[in-house]
C-alpha atoms as a PDB file:
ATOM      1  CA  MET A   1     -10.648  24.550-106.781  1.00  0.00           C
ATOM      2  CA  GLY A   2     -11.765  28.106-105.161  1.00  0.00           C
ATOM      3  CA  LEU A   3     -10.593  28.934-101.805  1.00  0.00           C
ATOM      4  CA  TRP A   4      -9.490  25.417-100.773  1.00  0.00           C
ATOM      5  CA  CYS A   5      -6.484  24.544-103.369  1.00  0.00           C
ATOM      6  CA  GLY A   6      -4.258  26.075-106.126  1.00  0.00           C
ATOM      7  CA  TYR A   7      -4.966  25.582-109.618  1.00  0.00           C
ATOM      8  CA  PRO A   8      -7.286  23.000-110.762  1.00  0.00           C
ATOM      9  CA  VAL A   9      -4.886  19.736-110.930  1.00  0.00           C
ATOM     10  CA  ALA A  10      -7.934  17.503-110.388  1.00  0.00           C
ATOM     11  CA  SER A  11      -9.202  18.366-113.448  1.00  0.00           C
ATOM     12  CA  ILE A  12      -6.089  16.839-114.898  1.00  0.00           C
ATOM     13  CA  THR A  13      -8.164  13.924-117.055  1.00  0.00           C
ATOM     14  CA  LYS A  14      -6.193  10.170-117.485  1.00  0.00           C
ATOM     15  CA  SER A  15      -6.420  10.815-121.347  1.00  0.00           C
ATOM     16  CA  GLU A  16      -4.323  13.753-120.734  1.00  0.00           C
ATOM     17  CA  ARG A  17      -1.958  11.868-118.710  1.00  0.00           C
ATOM     18  CA  ARG A  18      -1.932   9.198-121.281  1.00  0.00           C
ATOM     19  CA  ASN A  19      -1.490  11.676-124.000  1.00  0.00           C
ATOM     20  CA  ALA A  20       1.467  13.615-121.981  1.00  0.00           C
ATOM     21  CA  ARG A  21       3.402  10.557-121.844  1.00  0.00           C
ATOM     22  CA  LEU A  22       3.048   9.234-125.505  1.00  0.00           C
ATOM     23  CA  ARG A  23       4.140  12.454-126.911  1.00  0.00           C
ATOM     24  CA  GLU A  24       7.579  12.239-128.442  1.00  0.00           C
ATOM     25  CA  GLN A  25       8.365  15.679-128.803  1.00  0.00           C
ATOM     26  CA  LYS A  26       7.592  18.541-126.452  1.00  0.00           C
ATOM     27  CA  ILE A  27       5.446  21.238-127.827  1.00  0.00           C
ATOM     28  CA  MET A  28       7.704  23.765-125.598  1.00  0.00           C
ATOM     29  CA  ASP A  29      11.244  22.654-123.827  1.00  0.00           C
ATOM     30  CA  PHE A  30      11.975  24.588-120.884  1.00  0.00           C
ATOM     31  CA  LYS A  31      14.099  27.235-122.466  1.00  0.00           C
ATOM     32  CA  SER A  32      11.374  28.213-124.432  1.00  0.00           C
ATOM     33  CA  VAL A  33       8.914  28.062-121.983  1.00  0.00           C
ATOM     34  CA  MET A  34      11.021  30.440-119.192  1.00  0.00           C
ATOM     35  CA  ALA A  35      11.457  32.516-121.982  1.00  0.00           C
ATOM     36  CA  ASP A  36       7.765  32.990-122.704  1.00  0.00           C
ATOM     37  CA  LEU A  37       7.188  33.732-118.997  1.00  0.00           C
ATOM     38  CA  GLU A  38       9.706  36.224-119.197  1.00  0.00           C
ATOM     39  CA  SER A  39       8.146  38.315-121.923  1.00  0.00           C
ATOM     40  CA  ALA A  40       4.870  37.745-120.432  1.00  0.00           C
ATOM     41  CA  GLY A  41       5.681  39.510-117.457  1.00  0.00           C
ATOM     42  CA  ASN A  42       4.589  42.845-116.276  1.00  0.00           C
ATOM     43  CA  ALA A  43       5.818  45.730-114.259  1.00  0.00           C
ATOM     44  CA  GLU A  44       2.572  45.932-112.507  1.00  0.00           C
ATOM     45  CA  ASN A  45       2.010  42.333-112.050  1.00  0.00           C
ATOM     46  CA  LYS A  46       5.815  42.030-110.347  1.00  0.00           C
ATOM     47  CA  LYS A  47       4.710  44.850-107.988  1.00  0.00           C
ATOM     48  CA  ILE A  48       1.456  43.211-106.823  1.00  0.00           C
ATOM     49  CA  TYR A  49       3.243  39.902-106.515  1.00  0.00           C
ATOM     50  CA  LYS A  50       6.560  41.373-104.262  1.00  0.00           C
ATOM     51  CA  GLN A  51       4.002  43.087-102.337  1.00  0.00           C
ATOM     52  CA  GLN A  52       2.015  39.887-101.489  1.00  0.00           C
ATOM     53  CA  GLY A  53       5.562  37.758-100.628  1.00  0.00           C
ATOM     54  CA  ALA A  54       6.484  36.485-103.960  1.00  0.00           C
ATOM     55  CA  GLY A  55       9.950  37.512-103.814  1.00  0.00           C
ATOM     56  CA  GLU A  56      12.528  39.524-106.052  1.00  0.00           C
ATOM     57  CA  ASN A  57      12.516  36.567-108.498  1.00  0.00           C
ATOM     58  CA  VAL A  58       9.486  37.078-110.269  1.00  0.00           C
ATOM     59  CA  PHE A  59       8.379  38.110-113.873  1.00  0.00           C
ATOM     60  CA  GLY A  60       4.745  39.411-112.979  1.00  0.00           C
ATOM     61  CA  VAL A  61       2.989  36.642-115.462  1.00  0.00           C
ATOM     62  CA  SER A  62      -0.547  37.098-115.089  1.00  0.00           C
ATOM     63  CA  HIS A  63      -2.631  33.924-113.815  1.00  0.00           C
ATOM     64  CA  SER A  64      -4.572  34.275-117.454  1.00  0.00           C
ATOM     65  CA  HIS A  65      -1.585  33.410-118.963  1.00  0.00           C
ATOM     66  CA  LEU A  66      -0.384  30.775-116.490  1.00  0.00           C
ATOM     67  CA  LYS A  67      -3.895  29.101-117.688  1.00  0.00           C
ATOM     68  CA  LYS A  68      -3.374  29.363-121.183  1.00  0.00           C
ATOM     69  CA  LEU A  69       0.151  27.710-121.123  1.00  0.00           C
ATOM     70  CA  ARG A  70      -1.016  25.214-118.760  1.00  0.00           C
ATOM     71  CA  LYS A  71      -3.785  24.367-121.925  1.00  0.00           C
ATOM     72  CA  LYS A  72      -0.906  24.262-124.039  1.00  0.00           C
ATOM     73  CA  LEU A  73       1.348  22.313-122.016  1.00  0.00           C
ATOM     74  CA  GLY A  74      -0.782  19.892-120.615  1.00  0.00           C
ATOM     75  CA  VAL A  75       0.751  17.584-118.035  1.00  0.00           C
ATOM     76  CA  ASP A  76       4.583  17.718-118.338  1.00  0.00           C
ATOM     77  CA  HIS A  77       6.054  16.217-114.723  1.00  0.00           C
ATOM     78  CA  GLU A  78       9.826  16.482-115.888  1.00  0.00           C
ATOM     79  CA  LEU A  79       9.156  20.012-117.029  1.00  0.00           C
ATOM     80  CA  ALA A  80       7.260  20.701-113.646  1.00  0.00           C
ATOM     81  CA  ILE A  81      10.597  19.755-111.724  1.00  0.00           C
ATOM     82  CA  GLU A  82      12.626  22.010-114.075  1.00  0.00           C
ATOM     83  CA  LEU A  83      10.613  25.044-113.626  1.00  0.00           C
ATOM     84  CA  TRP A  84      10.447  24.443-109.696  1.00  0.00           C
ATOM     85  CA  GLU A  85      14.157  24.645-109.512  1.00  0.00           C
ATOM     86  CA  THR A  86      14.708  27.794-111.200  1.00  0.00           C
ATOM     87  CA  GLY A  87      13.112  29.810-108.157  1.00  0.00           C
ATOM     88  CA  ASN A  88      11.337  31.804-109.877  1.00  0.00           C
ATOM     89  CA  SER A  89       7.710  32.855-108.732  1.00  0.00           C
ATOM     90  CA  ASP A  90       6.194  32.660-111.852  1.00  0.00           C
ATOM     91  CA  ALA A  91       7.322  28.923-112.927  1.00  0.00           C
ATOM     92  CA  ARG A  92       6.772  27.752-109.836  1.00  0.00           C
ATOM     93  CA  SER A  93       3.256  28.143-110.323  1.00  0.00           C
ATOM     94  CA  LEU A  94       3.328  26.935-113.497  1.00  0.00           C
ATOM     95  CA  ALA A  95       5.084  24.093-112.399  1.00  0.00           C
ATOM     96  CA  MET A  96       2.299  23.256-109.884  1.00  0.00           C
ATOM     97  CA  MET A  97      -0.384  23.394-112.652  1.00  0.00           C
ATOM     98  CA  VAL A  98       1.620  21.053-115.735  1.00  0.00           C
ATOM     99  CA  ALA A  99       2.717  18.429-112.574  1.00  0.00           C
ATOM    100  CA  ASP A 100       1.417  14.954-112.419  1.00  0.00           C
ATOM    101  CA  PRO A 101       0.348  14.049-108.887  1.00  0.00           C
ATOM    102  CA  ASP A 102       0.965  10.510-109.768  1.00  0.00           C
ATOM    103  CA  GLU A 103       4.360  11.051-110.462  1.00  0.00           C
ATOM    104  CA  VAL A 104       5.431  12.931-107.014  1.00  0.00           C
ATOM    105  CA  SER A 105       7.376  11.190-105.226  1.00  0.00           C
ATOM    106  CA  PRO A 106       7.442  11.567-100.975  1.00  0.00           C
ATOM    107  CA  THR A 107      11.645  12.990-101.316  1.00  0.00           C
ATOM    108  CA  VAL A 108      10.057  15.377-104.114  1.00  0.00           C
ATOM    109  CA  ALA A 109       6.922  16.708-102.017  1.00  0.00           C
ATOM    110  CA  THR A 110       9.257  17.258 -99.138  1.00  0.00           C
ATOM    111  CA  GLN A 111      11.491  19.083-101.108  1.00  0.00           C
ATOM    112  CA  TRP A 112       8.675  21.143-102.589  1.00  0.00           C
ATOM    113  CA  MET A 113       7.158  22.219 -99.588  1.00  0.00           C
ATOM    114  CA  LYS A 114      10.489  23.283 -97.627  1.00  0.00           C
ATOM    115  CA  ASP A 115      11.089  25.672-100.697  1.00  0.00           C
ATOM    116  CA  VAL A 116       7.457  26.951 -99.811  1.00  0.00           C
ATOM    117  CA  ASP A 117       8.403  30.860 -99.154  1.00  0.00           C
ATOM    118  CA  TYR A 118       5.391  32.025-100.434  1.00  0.00           C
ATOM    119  CA  ALA A 119       1.573  31.671 -99.519  1.00  0.00           C
ATOM    120  CA  VAL A 120       0.424  30.856-103.282  1.00  0.00           C
ATOM    121  CA  HIS A 121       2.756  28.411-103.869  1.00  0.00           C
ATOM    122  CA  GLY A 122       1.845  26.879-100.301  1.00  0.00           C
ATOM    123  CA  SER A 123      -2.007  26.158-101.721  1.00  0.00           C
ATOM    124  CA  GLU A 124      -0.335  25.429-105.224  1.00  0.00           C
ATOM    125  CA  VAL A 125       2.091  22.799-103.844  1.00  0.00           C
ATOM    126  CA  ALA A 126      -0.789  21.134-101.697  1.00  0.00           C
ATOM    127  CA  GLY A 127      -3.257  21.079-104.437  1.00  0.00           C
ATOM    128  CA  VAL A 128      -0.679  18.709-106.397  1.00  0.00           C
ATOM    129  CA  VAL A 129       0.772  17.009-103.338  1.00  0.00           C
ATOM    130  CA  ALA A 130      -2.906  16.087-102.023  1.00  0.00           C
ATOM    131  CA  LEU A 131      -3.618  14.146-104.747  1.00  0.00           C
ATOM    132  CA  SER A 132      -0.166  12.122-104.879  1.00  0.00           C
ATOM    133  CA  PRO A 133       0.121   8.578-103.247  1.00  0.00           C
ATOM    134  CA  ALA A 134       2.441  10.354-100.668  1.00  0.00           C
ATOM    135  CA  GLY A 135      -0.728  12.759 -99.679  1.00  0.00           C
ATOM    136  CA  PRO A 136      -2.363  11.326 -96.654  1.00  0.00           C
ATOM    137  CA  SER A 137       0.853  10.732 -95.043  1.00  0.00           C
ATOM    138  CA  LYS A 138       2.166  14.077 -96.008  1.00  0.00           C
ATOM    139  CA  MET A 139      -0.812  16.022 -94.606  1.00  0.00           C
ATOM    140  CA  ARG A 140      -0.420  14.457 -91.083  1.00  0.00           C
ATOM    141  CA  GLN A 141       3.164  15.033 -91.151  1.00  0.00           C
ATOM    142  CA  TRP A 142       2.915  18.345 -92.119  1.00  0.00           C
ATOM    143  CA  ARG A 143       0.059  20.020 -90.391  1.00  0.00           C
ATOM    144  CA  LYS A 144       1.616  18.882 -87.214  1.00  0.00           C
ATOM    145  CA  GLN A 145       4.892  20.708 -87.519  1.00  0.00           C
ATOM    146  CA  LYS A 146       6.068  24.343 -86.260  1.00  0.00           C
ATOM    147  CA  SER A 147       6.955  26.068 -89.371  1.00  0.00           C
ATOM    148  CA  GLU A 148       4.551  28.044 -90.591  1.00  0.00           C
ATOM    149  CA  PHE A 149       4.499  27.224 -94.384  1.00  0.00           C
ATOM    150  CA  ALA A 150       4.708  23.489 -93.462  1.00  0.00           C
ATOM    151  CA  ARG A 151       1.930  23.601 -90.953  1.00  0.00           C
ATOM    152  CA  ALA A 152      -0.096  25.763 -93.756  1.00  0.00           C
ATOM    153  CA  THR A 153       0.311  23.660 -96.568  1.00  0.00           C
ATOM    154  CA  GLY A 154      -0.381  20.314 -94.446  1.00  0.00           C
ATOM    155  CA  TYR A 155      -3.793  21.862 -93.485  1.00  0.00           C
ATOM    156  CA  SER A 156      -4.195  23.275 -96.873  1.00  0.00           C
ATOM    157  CA  MET A 157      -4.124  19.775 -98.215  1.00  0.00           C
ATOM    158  CA  LEU A 158      -6.524  18.120 -95.968  1.00  0.00           C
ATOM    159  CA  ALA A 159      -8.794  20.935 -97.481  1.00  0.00           C
ATOM    160  CA  CYS A 160      -7.883  19.941-100.870  1.00  0.00           C
ATOM    161  CA  MET A 161      -8.650  16.001-100.193  1.00  0.00           C
ATOM    162  CA  LEU A 162     -11.784  16.392 -98.767  1.00  0.00           C
ATOM    163  CA  GLU A 163     -12.584  18.465-101.740  1.00  0.00           C
ATOM    164  CA  ASN A 164     -11.441  15.912-104.339  1.00  0.00           C
ATOM    165  CA  ASP A 165     -12.982  12.724-102.349  1.00  0.00           C
ATOM    166  CA  ALA A 166     -14.942  13.469 -99.163  1.00  0.00           C
ATOM    167  CA  ASP A 167     -13.806  10.057 -98.073  1.00  0.00           C
ATOM    168  CA  ALA A 168     -10.146  10.348 -98.368  1.00  0.00           C
ATOM    169  CA  VAL A 169      -9.949  11.414 -94.804  1.00  0.00           C
ATOM    170  CA  GLU A 170     -12.250   9.193 -92.166  1.00  0.00           C
ATOM    171  CA  ASP A 171     -14.641  11.119 -89.921  1.00  0.00           C
ATOM    172  CA  MET A 172     -12.771  10.027 -87.140  1.00  0.00           C
ATOM    173  CA  GLU A 173      -9.786  11.492 -88.067  1.00  0.00           C
ATOM    174  CA  CYS A 174     -11.440  14.663 -88.712  1.00  0.00           C
ATOM    175  CA  VAL A 175     -12.970  14.631 -85.379  1.00  0.00           C
ATOM    176  CA  ARG A 176      -9.312  14.603 -84.013  1.00  0.00           C
ATOM    177  CA  ILE A 177      -8.346  17.324 -86.379  1.00  0.00           C
ATOM    178  CA  LEU A 178     -11.153  19.561 -85.169  1.00  0.00           C
ATOM    179  CA  LYS A 179      -9.824  19.367 -81.772  1.00  0.00           C
ATOM    180  CA  ASP A 180      -6.378  20.087 -82.531  1.00  0.00           C
ATOM    181  CA  VAL A 181      -7.492  23.286 -84.711  1.00  0.00           C
ATOM    182  CA  GLU A 182      -9.631  24.599 -81.777  1.00  0.00           C
ATOM    183  CA  MET A 183      -6.543  23.820 -79.171  1.00  0.00           C
ATOM    184  CA  GLU A 184      -3.780  25.316 -81.408  1.00  0.00           C
ATOM    185  CA  ILE A 185      -5.102  27.860 -83.952  1.00  0.00           C
ATOM    186  CA  HIS A 186      -4.474  31.084 -82.004  1.00  0.00           C
ATOM    187  CA  ARG A 187      -1.027  30.189 -81.103  1.00  0.00           C
ATOM    188  CA  SER A 188      -0.083  28.985 -84.667  1.00  0.00           C
ATOM    189  CA  PRO A 189       1.797  30.896 -86.738  1.00  0.00           C
ATOM    190  CA  ASN A 190       0.198  33.693 -89.247  1.00  0.00           C
ATOM    191  CA  ARG A 191      -0.057  31.672 -92.385  1.00  0.00           C
ATOM    192  CA  ALA A 192      -1.010  28.499 -90.734  1.00  0.00           C
ATOM    193  CA  ARG A 193      -4.156  30.104 -89.401  1.00  0.00           C
ATOM    194  CA  HIS A 194      -5.441  30.578 -92.679  1.00  0.00           C
ATOM    195  CA  SER A 195      -5.134  27.277 -93.517  1.00  0.00           C
ATOM    196  CA  MET A 196      -6.357  25.837 -90.562  1.00  0.00           C
ATOM    197  CA  VAL A 197      -9.553  28.016 -90.546  1.00  0.00           C
ATOM    198  CA  MET A 198     -10.085  26.720 -94.499  1.00  0.00           C
ATOM    199  CA  ALA A 199     -10.113  22.919 -93.055  1.00  0.00           C
ATOM    200  CA  VAL A 200     -12.380  23.538 -90.772  1.00  0.00           C
ATOM    201  CA  ILE A 201     -14.432  24.839 -93.318  1.00  0.00           C
ATOM    202  CA  ALA A 202     -13.647  21.890 -95.499  1.00  0.00           C
ATOM    203  CA  ILE A 203     -14.832  19.539 -93.068  1.00  0.00           C
ATOM    204  CA  GLY A 204     -17.789  21.004 -92.861  1.00  0.00           C
ATOM    205  CA  VAL A 205     -18.793  21.352 -95.952  1.00  0.00           C
ATOM    206  CA  TYR A 206     -17.733  18.109 -97.023  1.00  0.00           C
ATOM    207  CA  LYS A 207     -18.588  15.960 -94.340  1.00  0.00           C
ATOM    208  CA  PRO A 208     -22.282  16.298 -93.911  1.00  0.00           C
ATOM    209  CA  ASP A 209     -22.227  14.097 -90.557  1.00  0.00           C
ATOM    210  CA  LEU A 210     -19.581  16.426 -89.092  1.00  0.00           C
ATOM    211  CA  SER A 211     -21.115  19.962 -90.248  1.00  0.00           C
ATOM    212  CA  GLU A 212     -22.599  20.839 -86.871  1.00  0.00           C
ATOM    213  CA  GLU A 213     -19.332  19.861 -84.878  1.00  0.00           C
ATOM    214  CA  ALA A 214     -17.474  21.935 -87.505  1.00  0.00           C
ATOM    215  CA  ILE A 215     -19.792  24.799 -86.993  1.00  0.00           C
ATOM    216  CA  GLU A 216     -19.707  24.534 -83.398  1.00  0.00           C
ATOM    217  CA  THR A 217     -15.959  24.515 -83.540  1.00  0.00           C
ATOM    218  CA  GLY A 218     -15.760  27.463 -85.334  1.00  0.00           C
ATOM    219  CA  GLU A 219     -18.225  29.156 -82.866  1.00  0.00           C
ATOM    220  CA  ARG A 220     -15.598  28.414 -80.073  1.00  0.00           C
ATOM    221  CA  ILE A 221     -12.670  29.157 -82.094  1.00  0.00           C
ATOM    222  CA  GLY A 222     -13.820  32.812 -82.746  1.00  0.00           C
ATOM    223  CA  ASP A 223     -12.314  35.305 -85.089  1.00  0.00           C
ATOM    224  CA  VAL A 224      -9.116  34.307 -86.326  1.00  0.00           C
ATOM    225  CA  GLN A 225      -6.676  37.334 -87.063  1.00  0.00           C
ATOM    226  CA  VAL A 226      -4.084  36.728 -90.410  1.00  0.00           C
ATOM    227  CA  ASP A 227      -1.740  39.564 -91.941  1.00  0.00           C
ATOM    228  CA  HIS A 228      -2.097  39.123 -95.497  1.00  0.00           C
ATOM    229  CA  GLY A 229       0.266  41.675 -96.427  1.00  0.00           C
ATOM    230  CA  GLU A 230      -1.129  44.027 -98.892  1.00  0.00           C
ATOM    231  CA  SER A 231      -3.337  41.878-100.237  1.00  0.00           C
ATOM    232  CA  SER A 232      -7.122  42.508-100.043  1.00  0.00           C
ATOM    233  CA  PHE A 233      -7.796  38.815 -99.076  1.00  0.00           C
ATOM    234  CA  LYS A 234      -9.329  38.369 -95.913  1.00  0.00           C
ATOM    235  CA  THR A 235      -9.924  34.753 -93.773  1.00  0.00           C
ATOM    236  CA  PRO A 236     -13.550  34.088 -93.328  1.00  0.00           C
ATOM    237  CA  LYS A 237     -15.184  33.311 -90.304  1.00  0.00           C
ATOM    238  CA  ILE A 238     -15.474  29.802 -89.779  1.00  0.00           C
ATOM    239  CA  ALA A 239     -19.280  29.351 -88.841  1.00  0.00           C
ATOM    240  CA  PRO A 240     -20.860  31.939 -90.872  1.00  0.00           C
ATOM    241  CA  TYR A 241     -18.775  30.696 -94.037  1.00  0.00           C
ATOM    242  CA  ILE A 242     -19.750  26.838 -93.864  1.00  0.00           C
ATOM    243  CA  ASN A 243     -23.582  27.804 -93.205  1.00  0.00           C
ATOM    244  CA  LYS A 244     -23.736  30.179 -96.133  1.00  0.00           C
ATOM    245  CA  THR A 245     -22.013  27.309 -98.242  1.00  0.00           C
ATOM    246  CA  LEU A 246     -24.137  24.655 -96.769  1.00  0.00           C
ATOM    247  CA  LYS A 247     -27.185  26.791 -97.626  1.00  0.00           C
ATOM    248  CA  ARG A 248     -25.958  27.921-101.049  1.00  0.00           C
ATOM    249  CA  THR A 249     -25.418  24.013-102.133  1.00  0.00           C
ATOM    250  CA  SER A 250     -28.724  23.046-100.848  1.00  0.00           C
ATOM    251  CA  ALA A 251     -30.450  25.367-103.328  1.00  0.00           C
ATOM    252  CA  ARG A 252     -28.478  24.452-105.834  1.00  0.00           C
ATOM    253  CA  LYS A 253     -29.520  20.535-105.233  1.00  0.00           C
ATOM    254  CA  ALA A 254     -33.003  21.968-105.074  1.00  0.00           C
ATOM    255  CA  ARG A 255     -33.082  23.407-108.302  1.00  0.00           C
ATOM    256  CA  ILE A 256     -31.600  20.457-109.807  1.00  0.00           C
ATOM    257  CA  ARG A 257     -34.160  18.147-108.603  1.00  0.00           C
ATOM    258  CA  SER A 258     -36.577  20.599-109.876  1.00  0.00           C
ATOM    259  CA  CYS A 259     -35.552  20.737-113.414  1.00  0.00           C
END
């Protein structure tokens, strides 16, 4: 899901969900998954993840290994709940890869959001909850909260929702959100500022009728300073990023039409 969300939850097909529910025997149970994660971790990754804010409870599992596990496990929402409750950073990332958005209750969604204390997990939770039945209401609720990770997760959800379905949020609501971001971004908490930038970009990219308004909003906002710790990641400038993405998209469509 690129810059918008965590791992590609939206790529889970209906047949995968159906097969997961019909599967009588698990390929791997909770204990064997945790053992696999622990054995797959390495000191270098662990050091990097801790520098980025993962905390002490982390094995240091590579993203490529997590993706292999996700493919092997398929959708397993019960396992996702167990993995998240461990508090282990790698297990929580895997949890969001095997969770079923259709099975996420409002209570569980709220608990996951409250547990988030690491930016990576915030985007991963956003990617799952955004596609859940509670997605729209949680997005509206969380983006207005003052706490850093709640607000960040709420705005990340907006970007995920628009990427998955541009009509998931009506244009008028997006206009109000643009106004809210412009008024609040520079006094919002650190990680929330990044998610707010990405929300404006998502509106500009996925809402064609609002592209100009999003670009103008970005120009008025100007540069947004976000401390990403020891990560090399940088928060993009809104207007240039929207323009670049729209040009790339237009060029790709032109190539498709010429084939």
